[in-house]
N, C-alpha and C. Protein backbone atom coordinates (compact mmCIF):
# COMPACT_ATOMS: atom_id res chain seq x y z
N UNK A 1 -61.86 -21.03 -19.40
CA UNK A 1 -61.58 -22.10 -18.45
C UNK A 1 -60.82 -21.47 -17.28
N UNK A 2 -61.31 -21.70 -16.10
CA UNK A 2 -60.68 -21.17 -14.89
C UNK A 2 -60.15 -22.33 -14.07
N UNK A 3 -58.93 -22.17 -13.56
CA UNK A 3 -58.32 -23.21 -12.73
C UNK A 3 -58.01 -22.62 -11.36
N UNK A 4 -58.42 -23.34 -10.33
CA UNK A 4 -58.24 -22.90 -8.96
C UNK A 4 -57.42 -23.91 -8.19
N UNK A 5 -56.70 -23.40 -7.18
CA UNK A 5 -55.89 -24.25 -6.32
C UNK A 5 -56.31 -24.00 -4.88
N UNK A 6 -56.44 -25.09 -4.12
CA UNK A 6 -56.85 -25.00 -2.73
C UNK A 6 -55.70 -25.37 -1.81
N UNK A 7 -55.71 -24.81 -0.62
CA UNK A 7 -54.74 -25.17 0.41
C UNK A 7 -54.98 -26.62 0.83
N UNK A 8 -56.24 -27.04 0.77
CA UNK A 8 -56.63 -28.38 1.18
C UNK A 8 -56.80 -29.27 -0.06
N UNK A 9 -56.28 -30.50 -0.03
CA UNK A 9 -56.37 -31.36 -1.21
C UNK A 9 -57.79 -31.81 -1.55
N UNK A 10 -58.66 -31.96 -0.57
CA UNK A 10 -60.03 -32.45 -0.81
C UNK A 10 -61.04 -31.46 -0.25
N UNK A 11 -61.15 -30.28 -0.83
CA UNK A 11 -62.07 -29.25 -0.37
C UNK A 11 -63.43 -29.43 -1.06
N UNK A 12 -64.50 -29.25 -0.30
CA UNK A 12 -65.86 -29.28 -0.84
C UNK A 12 -66.47 -27.90 -0.67
N UNK A 13 -67.12 -27.40 -1.72
CA UNK A 13 -67.84 -26.13 -1.65
C UNK A 13 -69.18 -26.33 -2.33
N UNK A 14 -70.11 -25.42 -2.09
CA UNK A 14 -71.46 -25.56 -2.63
C UNK A 14 -71.78 -24.42 -3.57
N UNK A 15 -72.45 -24.75 -4.67
CA UNK A 15 -73.02 -23.78 -5.58
C UNK A 15 -74.51 -24.08 -5.60
N UNK A 16 -75.28 -23.19 -5.00
CA UNK A 16 -76.69 -23.49 -4.78
C UNK A 16 -76.77 -24.58 -3.72
N UNK A 17 -77.43 -25.66 -4.03
CA UNK A 17 -77.52 -26.79 -3.10
C UNK A 17 -76.63 -27.95 -3.52
N UNK A 18 -75.87 -27.77 -4.60
CA UNK A 18 -75.05 -28.85 -5.15
C UNK A 18 -73.61 -28.77 -4.64
N UNK A 19 -73.08 -29.87 -4.10
CA UNK A 19 -71.68 -29.87 -3.67
C UNK A 19 -70.73 -30.01 -4.86
N UNK A 20 -69.60 -29.34 -4.77
CA UNK A 20 -68.53 -29.43 -5.77
C UNK A 20 -67.27 -29.82 -5.01
N UNK A 21 -66.39 -30.58 -5.65
CA UNK A 21 -65.23 -31.14 -4.96
C UNK A 21 -63.92 -30.82 -5.67
N UNK A 22 -62.92 -30.44 -4.89
CA UNK A 22 -61.57 -30.32 -5.40
C UNK A 22 -60.95 -31.71 -5.45
N UNK A 23 -60.07 -31.94 -6.39
CA UNK A 23 -59.34 -33.19 -6.48
C UNK A 23 -57.85 -32.88 -6.47
N UNK A 24 -57.16 -33.38 -5.46
CA UNK A 24 -55.72 -33.12 -5.29
C UNK A 24 -55.42 -31.62 -5.24
N UNK A 25 -56.34 -30.86 -4.67
CA UNK A 25 -56.14 -29.43 -4.49
C UNK A 25 -56.40 -28.59 -5.72
N UNK A 26 -56.98 -29.17 -6.78
CA UNK A 26 -57.24 -28.44 -8.03
C UNK A 26 -58.72 -28.54 -8.41
N UNK A 27 -59.22 -27.48 -9.04
CA UNK A 27 -60.58 -27.48 -9.56
C UNK A 27 -60.59 -26.65 -10.84
N UNK A 28 -61.13 -27.20 -11.92
CA UNK A 28 -61.20 -26.52 -13.21
C UNK A 28 -62.66 -26.41 -13.62
N UNK A 29 -63.06 -25.22 -14.07
CA UNK A 29 -64.45 -25.00 -14.45
C UNK A 29 -64.58 -23.90 -15.49
N UNK A 30 -65.71 -23.92 -16.21
CA UNK A 30 -66.10 -22.84 -17.11
C UNK A 30 -67.37 -22.14 -16.59
N UNK A 31 -67.98 -22.72 -15.57
CA UNK A 31 -69.24 -22.24 -15.03
C UNK A 31 -69.04 -20.94 -14.25
N UNK A 32 -69.76 -19.89 -14.65
CA UNK A 32 -69.60 -18.58 -14.01
C UNK A 32 -70.04 -18.57 -12.55
N UNK A 33 -71.08 -19.34 -12.21
CA UNK A 33 -71.53 -19.41 -10.82
C UNK A 33 -70.46 -20.06 -9.94
N UNK A 34 -69.82 -21.10 -10.46
CA UNK A 34 -68.75 -21.77 -9.71
C UNK A 34 -67.54 -20.84 -9.56
N UNK A 35 -67.20 -20.12 -10.61
CA UNK A 35 -66.07 -19.18 -10.56
C UNK A 35 -66.33 -18.11 -9.51
N UNK A 36 -67.55 -17.59 -9.47
CA UNK A 36 -67.91 -16.56 -8.48
C UNK A 36 -67.82 -17.12 -7.07
N UNK A 37 -68.31 -18.34 -6.86
CA UNK A 37 -68.26 -18.96 -5.53
C UNK A 37 -66.81 -19.22 -5.12
N UNK A 38 -66.00 -19.71 -6.03
CA UNK A 38 -64.60 -20.01 -5.73
C UNK A 38 -63.80 -18.74 -5.44
N UNK A 39 -64.13 -17.66 -6.12
CA UNK A 39 -63.41 -16.40 -5.91
C UNK A 39 -63.65 -15.83 -4.52
N UNK A 40 -64.74 -16.22 -3.88
CA UNK A 40 -65.05 -15.69 -2.55
C UNK A 40 -64.47 -16.55 -1.42
N UNK A 41 -63.88 -17.70 -1.73
CA UNK A 41 -63.34 -18.58 -0.69
C UNK A 41 -61.95 -18.13 -0.26
N UNK A 42 -61.69 -18.18 1.04
CA UNK A 42 -60.43 -17.68 1.60
C UNK A 42 -59.24 -18.59 1.30
N UNK A 43 -59.44 -19.89 1.26
CA UNK A 43 -58.33 -20.83 1.11
C UNK A 43 -58.16 -21.30 -0.33
N UNK A 44 -58.68 -20.51 -1.28
CA UNK A 44 -58.62 -20.88 -2.69
C UNK A 44 -58.03 -19.72 -3.48
N UNK A 45 -57.16 -20.03 -4.43
CA UNK A 45 -56.61 -18.99 -5.29
C UNK A 45 -56.69 -19.43 -6.74
N UNK A 46 -56.88 -18.47 -7.62
CA UNK A 46 -56.95 -18.76 -9.05
C UNK A 46 -55.54 -18.81 -9.60
N UNK A 47 -55.23 -19.86 -10.34
CA UNK A 47 -53.85 -20.06 -10.79
C UNK A 47 -53.68 -19.85 -12.29
N UNK A 48 -54.74 -19.68 -13.04
CA UNK A 48 -54.62 -19.51 -14.48
C UNK A 48 -54.60 -18.05 -14.90
N UNK A 49 -54.69 -17.14 -13.95
CA UNK A 49 -54.80 -15.72 -14.27
C UNK A 49 -56.27 -15.39 -14.44
N UNK A 50 -56.62 -14.17 -14.29
CA UNK A 50 -58.02 -13.78 -14.35
C UNK A 50 -58.35 -13.34 -15.77
N UNK A 51 -58.45 -14.26 -16.67
CA UNK A 51 -58.63 -13.99 -18.10
C UNK A 51 -59.90 -13.20 -18.39
N UNK A 52 -61.00 -13.55 -17.74
CA UNK A 52 -62.28 -12.95 -18.07
C UNK A 52 -62.41 -11.51 -17.60
N UNK A 53 -61.72 -11.14 -16.56
CA UNK A 53 -61.89 -9.81 -16.00
C UNK A 53 -60.83 -8.81 -16.47
N UNK A 54 -59.91 -9.26 -17.31
CA UNK A 54 -58.89 -8.35 -17.81
C UNK A 54 -59.51 -7.42 -18.84
N UNK A 55 -59.17 -6.16 -18.74
CA UNK A 55 -59.65 -5.20 -19.72
C UNK A 55 -58.73 -5.26 -20.94
N UNK A 56 -59.28 -5.14 -22.13
CA UNK A 56 -58.41 -5.16 -23.31
C UNK A 56 -57.51 -3.93 -23.33
N UNK A 57 -56.30 -4.13 -23.78
CA UNK A 57 -55.36 -3.01 -23.83
C UNK A 57 -55.65 -2.16 -25.05
N UNK A 58 -55.54 -0.88 -24.88
CA UNK A 58 -55.79 0.05 -25.97
C UNK A 58 -54.45 0.54 -26.48
N UNK A 59 -54.26 0.37 -27.77
CA UNK A 59 -53.01 0.82 -28.36
C UNK A 59 -53.17 2.28 -28.80
N UNK A 60 -52.16 3.05 -28.53
CA UNK A 60 -52.17 4.44 -28.96
C UNK A 60 -51.27 4.59 -30.17
N UNK A 61 -51.63 5.51 -31.02
CA UNK A 61 -50.83 5.75 -32.21
C UNK A 61 -49.61 6.56 -31.84
N UNK A 62 -48.52 6.22 -32.45
CA UNK A 62 -47.30 7.00 -32.23
C UNK A 62 -47.36 8.28 -33.03
N UNK A 63 -46.91 9.31 -32.42
CA UNK A 63 -46.83 10.58 -33.12
C UNK A 63 -45.42 10.72 -33.68
N UNK A 64 -45.36 11.05 -34.93
CA UNK A 64 -44.03 11.21 -35.52
C UNK A 64 -43.48 12.57 -35.12
N UNK A 65 -42.21 12.57 -34.86
CA UNK A 65 -41.60 13.84 -34.47
C UNK A 65 -41.03 14.52 -35.72
N UNK A 66 -41.48 15.71 -35.96
CA UNK A 66 -40.99 16.48 -37.11
C UNK A 66 -40.25 17.69 -36.58
N UNK A 67 -39.11 17.89 -37.14
CA UNK A 67 -38.30 19.04 -36.72
C UNK A 67 -38.06 19.99 -37.85
């Protein structure tokens, strides 16, 4: 689930030929096409963090020190 915030309270954007609407400056979606379109807009920012694009962290094993 991706949540976006707009500078404008009632922003309209298009995905394909279909209009999508912000409500009170917020828009929530799971649709990848909508997320891609929203990520390219200048007056819109993602507020939930970029969960899908984060790379998983790799844990390294600790080496024991022997003296």
